[in-house]
Amino acid sequence: AQVTFVHEPGGHSHQIAQRLSHALA
């Protein structure tokens, strides 16, 4: 597959909407 692994700041519950929007983009 075409796969990427991105590290985001913070713990498990930090900036959930931002993480989802990054994935969608």
PDB file of all heavy atoms in Angstrom:
ATOM      1  N   ALA A   1       0.834  -1.193   0.000  1.00  0.00           N
ATOM      2  CA  ALA A   1       0.000   0.000   0.000  1.00  0.00           C
ATOM      3  C   ALA A   1       0.871   1.246   0.000  1.00  0.00           C
ATOM      4  O   ALA A   1       2.065   1.198   0.321  1.00  0.00           O
ATOM      5  CB  ALA A   1      -0.911  -0.001   1.240  1.00  0.00           C
ATOM      6  N   GLN A   2       0.255   2.363  -0.350  1.00  0.00           N
ATOM      7  CA  GLN A   2       0.901   3.659  -0.181  1.00  0.00           C
ATOM      8  C   GLN A   2       0.635   4.081   1.262  1.00  0.00           C
ATOM      9  O   GLN A   2      -0.500   4.394   1.621  1.00  0.00           O
ATOM     10  CB  GLN A   2       0.316   4.678  -1.153  1.00  0.00           C
ATOM     11  CG  GLN A   2       0.970   6.055  -1.069  1.00  0.00           C
ATOM     12  CD  GLN A   2       0.335   7.049  -2.020  1.00  0.00           C
ATOM     13  OE1 GLN A   2      -0.452   6.689  -2.889  1.00  0.00           O
ATOM     14  NE2 GLN A   2       0.666   8.317  -1.850  1.00  0.00           N
ATOM     15  N   VAL A   3       1.647   4.081   2.097  1.00  0.00           N
ATOM     16  CA  VAL A   3       1.439   4.260   3.533  1.00  0.00           C
ATOM     17  C   VAL A   3       2.371   5.326   4.081  1.00  0.00           C
ATOM     18  O   VAL A   3       3.518   5.471   3.626  1.00  0.00           O
ATOM     19  CB  VAL A   3       1.648   2.917   4.284  1.00  0.00           C
ATOM     20  CG1 VAL A   3       3.020   2.346   4.041  1.00  0.00           C
ATOM     21  CG2 VAL A   3       1.356   3.061   5.769  1.00  0.00           C
ATOM     22  N   THR A   4       1.869   6.091   5.046  1.00  0.00           N
ATOM     23  CA  THR A   4       2.689   7.056   5.757  1.00  0.00           C
ATOM     24  C   THR A   4       2.399   6.944   7.248  1.00  0.00           C
ATOM     25  O   THR A   4       1.310   6.541   7.643  1.00  0.00           O
ATOM     26  CB  THR A   4       2.416   8.493   5.263  1.00  0.00           C
ATOM     27  OG1 THR A   4       3.372   9.386   5.835  1.00  0.00           O
ATOM     28  CG2 THR A   4       1.014   8.957   5.640  1.00  0.00           C
ATOM     29  N   PHE A   5       3.399   7.282   8.069  1.00  0.00           N
ATOM     30  CA  PHE A   5       3.272   7.249   9.525  1.00  0.00           C
ATOM     31  C   PHE A   5       3.725   8.608  10.039  1.00  0.00           C
ATOM     32  O   PHE A   5       4.896   8.971   9.906  1.00  0.00           O
ATOM     33  CB  PHE A   5       4.119   6.113  10.103  1.00  0.00           C
ATOM     34  CG  PHE A   5       4.139   6.022  11.607  1.00  0.00           C
ATOM     35  CD1 PHE A   5       3.215   6.679  12.399  1.00  0.00           C
ATOM     36  CD2 PHE A   5       5.109   5.251  12.237  1.00  0.00           C
ATOM     37  CE1 PHE A   5       3.239   6.594  13.788  1.00  0.00           C
ATOM     38  CE2 PHE A   5       5.153   5.144  13.629  1.00  0.00           C
ATOM     39  CZ  PHE A   5       4.221   5.828  14.397  1.00  0.00           C
ATOM     40  N   VAL A   6       2.792   9.359  10.609  1.00  0.00           N
ATOM     41  CA  VAL A   6       3.042  10.728  11.040  1.00  0.00           C
ATOM     42  C   VAL A   6       2.994  10.811  12.564  1.00  0.00           C
ATOM     43  O   VAL A   6       2.082  10.266  13.191  1.00  0.00           O
ATOM     44  CB  VAL A   6       1.982  11.680  10.438  1.00  0.00           C
ATOM     45  CG1 VAL A   6       2.162  13.097  10.976  1.00  0.00           C
ATOM     46  CG2 VAL A   6       2.068  11.665   8.913  1.00  0.00           C
ATOM     47  N   HIS A   7       3.966  11.492  13.144  1.00  0.00           N
ATOM     48  CA  HIS A   7       3.950  11.747  14.581  1.00  0.00           C
ATOM     49  C   HIS A   7       3.309  13.104  14.849  1.00  0.00           C
ATOM     50  O   HIS A   7       3.700  14.112  14.260  1.00  0.00           O
ATOM     51  CB  HIS A   7       5.372  11.716  15.147  1.00  0.00           C
ATOM     52  CG  HIS A   7       5.915  10.333  15.293  1.00  0.00           C
ATOM     53  ND1 HIS A   7       6.531   9.664  14.253  1.00  0.00           N
ATOM     54  CD2 HIS A   7       5.913   9.472  16.354  1.00  0.00           C
ATOM     55  CE1 HIS A   7       6.906   8.465  14.667  1.00  0.00           C
ATOM     56  NE2 HIS A   7       6.537   8.325  15.924  1.00  0.00           N
ATOM     57  N   GLU A   8       2.320  13.102  15.724  1.00  0.00           N
ATOM     58  CA  GLU A   8       1.621  14.314  16.115  1.00  0.00           C
ATOM     59  C   GLU A   8       2.060  14.701  17.536  1.00  0.00           C
ATOM     60  O   GLU A   8       2.535  13.861  18.300  1.00  0.00           O
ATOM     61  CB  GLU A   8       0.105  14.087  16.104  1.00  0.00           C
ATOM     62  CG  GLU A   8      -0.461  13.733  14.732  1.00  0.00           C
ATOM     63  CD  GLU A   8      -0.787  14.954  13.908  1.00  0.00           C
ATOM     64  OE1 GLU A   8      -0.337  16.067  14.252  1.00  0.00           O
ATOM     65  OE2 GLU A   8      -1.512  14.791  12.903  1.00  0.00           O
ATOM     66  N   PRO A   9       1.875  15.957  17.921  1.00  0.00           N
ATOM     67  CA  PRO A   9       2.221  16.362  19.291  1.00  0.00           C
ATOM     68  C   PRO A   9       1.200  15.840  20.297  1.00  0.00           C
ATOM     69  O   PRO A   9       0.044  15.602  19.964  1.00  0.00           O
ATOM     70  CB  PRO A   9       2.180  17.896  19.222  1.00  0.00           C
ATOM     71  CG  PRO A   9       1.242  18.203  18.100  1.00  0.00           C
ATOM     72  CD  PRO A   9       1.438  17.108  17.094  1.00  0.00           C
ATOM     73  N   GLY A  10       1.651  15.644  21.529  1.00  0.00           N
ATOM     74  CA  GLY A  10       0.738  15.338  22.621  1.00  0.00           C
ATOM     75  C   GLY A  10       0.432  13.873  22.816  1.00  0.00           C
ATOM     76  O   GLY A  10       1.011  12.995  22.177  1.00  0.00           O
ATOM     77  N   GLY A  11      -0.505  13.653  23.737  1.00  0.00           N
ATOM     78  CA  GLY A  11      -0.905  12.304  24.091  1.00  0.00           C
ATOM     79  C   GLY A  11      -2.080  11.811  23.267  1.00  0.00           C
ATOM     80  O   GLY A  11      -2.403  12.354  22.205  1.00  0.00           O
ATOM     81  N   HIS A  12      -2.752  10.799  23.802  1.00  0.00           N
ATOM     82  CA  HIS A  12      -3.775  10.091  23.030  1.00  0.00           C
ATOM     83  C   HIS A  12      -4.978  10.963  22.675  1.00  0.00           C
ATOM     84  O   HIS A  12      -5.562  10.785  21.611  1.00  0.00           O
ATOM     85  CB  HIS A  12      -4.242   8.872  23.832  1.00  0.00           C
ATOM     86  CG  HIS A  12      -5.171   7.973  23.075  1.00  0.00           C
ATOM     87  ND1 HIS A  12      -4.768   7.245  21.970  1.00  0.00           N
ATOM     88  CD2 HIS A  12      -6.490   7.685  23.251  1.00  0.00           C
ATOM     89  CE1 HIS A  12      -5.790   6.540  21.509  1.00  0.00           C
ATOM     90  NE2 HIS A  12      -6.844   6.796  22.265  1.00  0.00           N
ATOM     91  N   SER A  13      -5.354  11.881  23.538  1.00  0.00           N
ATOM     92  CA  SER A  13      -6.577  12.659  23.329  1.00  0.00           C
ATOM     93  C   SER A  13      -6.305  14.089  22.896  1.00  0.00           C
ATOM     94  O   SER A  13      -7.186  14.953  22.996  1.00  0.00           O
ATOM     95  CB  SER A  13      -7.425  12.656  24.608  1.00  0.00           C
ATOM     96  OG  SER A  13      -7.777  11.338  24.969  1.00  0.00           O
ATOM     97  N   HIS A  14      -5.111  14.362  22.400  1.00  0.00           N
ATOM     98  CA  HIS A  14      -4.726  15.728  22.053  1.00  0.00           C
ATOM     99  C   HIS A  14      -5.094  16.054  20.610  1.00  0.00           C
ATOM    100  O   HIS A  14      -4.741  15.322  19.692  1.00  0.00           O
ATOM    101  CB  HIS A  14      -3.217  15.891  22.245  1.00  0.00           C
ATOM    102  CG  HIS A  14      -2.716  17.283  22.052  1.00  0.00           C
ATOM    103  ND1 HIS A  14      -3.090  18.331  22.861  1.00  0.00           N
ATOM    104  CD2 HIS A  14      -1.864  17.809  21.129  1.00  0.00           C
ATOM    105  CE1 HIS A  14      -2.488  19.433  22.472  1.00  0.00           C
ATOM    106  NE2 HIS A  14      -1.744  19.150  21.411  1.00  0.00           N
ATOM    107  N   GLN A  15      -5.867  17.129  20.415  1.00  0.00           N
ATOM    108  CA  GLN A  15      -6.171  17.661  19.083  1.00  0.00           C
ATOM    109  C   GLN A  15      -6.684  16.586  18.116  1.00  0.00           C
ATOM    110  O   GLN A  15      -6.135  16.374  17.031  1.00  0.00           O
ATOM    111  CB  GLN A  15      -4.943  18.364  18.504  1.00  0.00           C
ATOM    112  CG  GLN A  15      -4.507  19.583  19.309  1.00  0.00           C
ATOM    113  CD  GLN A  15      -3.343  20.323  18.688  1.00  0.00           C
ATOM    114  OE1 GLN A  15      -2.527  19.739  17.967  1.00  0.00           O
ATOM    115  NE2 GLN A  15      -3.247  21.613  18.956  1.00  0.00           N
ATOM    116  N   ILE A  16      -7.761  15.939  18.506  1.00  0.00           N
ATOM    117  CA  ILE A  16      -8.307  14.844  17.700  1.00  0.00           C
ATOM    118  C   ILE A  16      -8.774  15.340  16.333  1.00  0.00           C
ATOM    119  O   ILE A  16      -8.493  14.719  15.304  1.00  0.00           O
ATOM    120  CB  ILE A  16      -9.454  14.146  18.441  1.00  0.00           C
ATOM    121  CG1 ILE A  16      -8.932  13.523  19.733  1.00  0.00           C
ATOM    122  CG2 ILE A  16     -10.102  13.083  17.561  1.00  0.00           C
ATOM    123  CD1 ILE A  16     -10.017  12.973  20.638  1.00  0.00           C
ATOM    124  N   ALA A  17      -9.493  16.462  16.307  1.00  0.00           N
ATOM    125  CA  ALA A  17      -9.985  16.981  15.029  1.00  0.00           C
ATOM    126  C   ALA A  17      -8.837  17.312  14.087  1.00  0.00           C
ATOM    127  O   ALA A  17      -8.912  17.047  12.873  1.00  0.00           O
ATOM    128  CB  ALA A  17     -10.854  18.219  15.269  1.00  0.00           C
ATOM    129  N   GLN A  18      -7.775  17.878  14.623  1.00  0.00           N
ATOM    130  CA  GLN A  18      -6.618  18.196  13.788  1.00  0.00           C
ATOM    131  C   GLN A  18      -6.007  16.935  13.198  1.00  0.00           C
ATOM    132  O   GLN A  18      -5.626  16.896  12.022  1.00  0.00           O
ATOM    133  CB  GLN A  18      -5.566  18.957  14.604  1.00  0.00           C
ATOM    134  CG  GLN A  18      -5.928  20.404  14.888  1.00  0.00           C
ATOM    135  CD  GLN A  18      -6.781  20.570  16.138  1.00  0.00           C
ATOM    136  OE1 GLN A  18      -7.404  19.605  16.607  1.00  0.00           O
ATOM    137  NE2 GLN A  18      -6.805  21.767  16.676  1.00  0.00           N
ATOM    138  N   ARG A  19      -5.904  15.894  14.011  1.00  0.00           N
ATOM    139  CA  ARG A  19      -5.328  14.638  13.515  1.00  0.00           C
ATOM    140  C   ARG A  19      -6.184  14.039  12.402  1.00  0.00           C
ATOM    141  O   ARG A  19      -5.657  13.554  11.393  1.00  0.00           O
ATOM    142  CB  ARG A  19      -5.162  13.649  14.671  1.00  0.00           C
ATOM    143  CG  ARG A  19      -4.153  14.115  15.709  1.00  0.00           C
ATOM    144  CD  ARG A  19      -4.010  13.119  16.844  1.00  0.00           C
ATOM    145  NE  ARG A  19      -3.143  13.662  17.894  1.00  0.00           N
ATOM    146  CZ  ARG A  19      -2.721  12.968  18.939  1.00  0.00           C
ATOM    147  NH1 ARG A  19      -3.079  11.702  19.083  1.00  0.00           N
ATOM    148  NH2 ARG A  19      -1.933  13.526  19.846  1.00  0.00           N
ATOM    149  N   LEU A  20      -7.494  14.073  12.591  1.00  0.00           N
ATOM    150  CA  LEU A  20      -8.385  13.540  11.561  1.00  0.00           C
ATOM    151  C   LEU A  20      -8.313  14.371  10.289  1.00  0.00           C
ATOM    152  O   LEU A  20      -8.316  13.823   9.176  1.00  0.00           O
ATOM    153  CB  LEU A  20      -9.819  13.501  12.086  1.00  0.00           C
ATOM    154  CG  LEU A  20     -10.099  12.518  13.229  1.00  0.00           C
ATOM    155  CD1 LEU A  20     -11.507  12.714  13.760  1.00  0.00           C
ATOM    156  CD2 LEU A  20      -9.909  11.069  12.773  1.00  0.00           C
ATOM    157  N   SER A  21      -8.234  15.693  10.431  1.00  0.00           N
ATOM    158  CA  SER A  21      -8.157  16.549   9.239  1.00  0.00           C
ATOM    159  C   SER A  21      -6.842  16.335   8.493  1.00  0.00           C
ATOM    160  O   SER A  21      -6.811  16.360   7.254  1.00  0.00           O
ATOM    161  CB  SER A  21      -8.328  18.017   9.622  1.00  0.00           C
ATOM    162  OG  SER A  21      -7.262  18.478  10.427  1.00  0.00           O
ATOM    163  N   HIS A  22      -5.753  16.094   9.215  1.00  0.00           N
ATOM    164  CA  HIS A  22      -4.482  15.787   8.551  1.00  0.00           C
ATOM    165  C   HIS A  22      -4.585  14.489   7.749  1.00  0.00           C
ATOM    166  O   HIS A  22      -4.069  14.399   6.624  1.00  0.00           O
ATOM    167  CB  HIS A  22      -3.362  15.660   9.591  1.00  0.00           C
ATOM    168  CG  HIS A  22      -3.055  16.932  10.311  1.00  0.00           C
ATOM    169  ND1 HIS A  22      -2.348  16.978  11.500  1.00  0.00           N
ATOM    170  CD2 HIS A  22      -3.351  18.227  10.013  1.00  0.00           C
ATOM    171  CE1 HIS A  22      -2.243  18.222  11.905  1.00  0.00           C
ATOM    172  NE2 HIS A  22      -2.836  19.007  11.030  1.00  0.00           N
ATOM    173  N   ALA A  23      -5.253  13.497   8.327  1.00  0.00           N
ATOM    174  CA  ALA A  23      -5.428  12.225   7.626  1.00  0.00           C
ATOM    175  C   ALA A  23      -6.250  12.419   6.358  1.00  0.00           C
ATOM    176  O   ALA A  23      -5.900  11.900   5.285  1.00  0.00           O
ATOM    177  CB  ALA A  23      -6.091  11.215   8.556  1.00  0.00           C
ATOM    178  N   LEU A  24      -7.353  13.152   6.468  1.00  0.00           N
ATOM    179  CA  LEU A  24      -8.212  13.370   5.306  1.00  0.00           C
ATOM    180  C   LEU A  24      -7.475  14.131   4.209  1.00  0.00           C
ATOM    181  O   LEU A  24      -7.594  13.820   3.025  1.00  0.00           O
ATOM    182  CB  LEU A  24      -9.460  14.148   5.726  1.00  0.00           C
ATOM    183  CG  LEU A  24     -10.591  13.306   6.304  1.00  0.00           C
ATOM    184  CD1 LEU A  24     -11.698  14.198   6.852  1.00  0.00           C
ATOM    185  CD2 LEU A  24     -11.165  12.375   5.225  1.00  0.00           C
ATOM    186  N   ALA A  25      -6.718  15.152   4.612  1.00  0.00           N
ATOM    187  CA  ALA A  25      -5.980  15.932   3.619  1.00  0.00           C
ATOM    188  C   ALA A  25      -5.003  15.049   2.844  1.00  0.00           C
ATOM    189  O   ALA A  25      -4.852  15.193   1.627  1.00  0.00           O
ATOM    190  CB  ALA A  25      -5.257  17.082   4.298  1.00  0.00           C
TER     191      ALA A  25
END
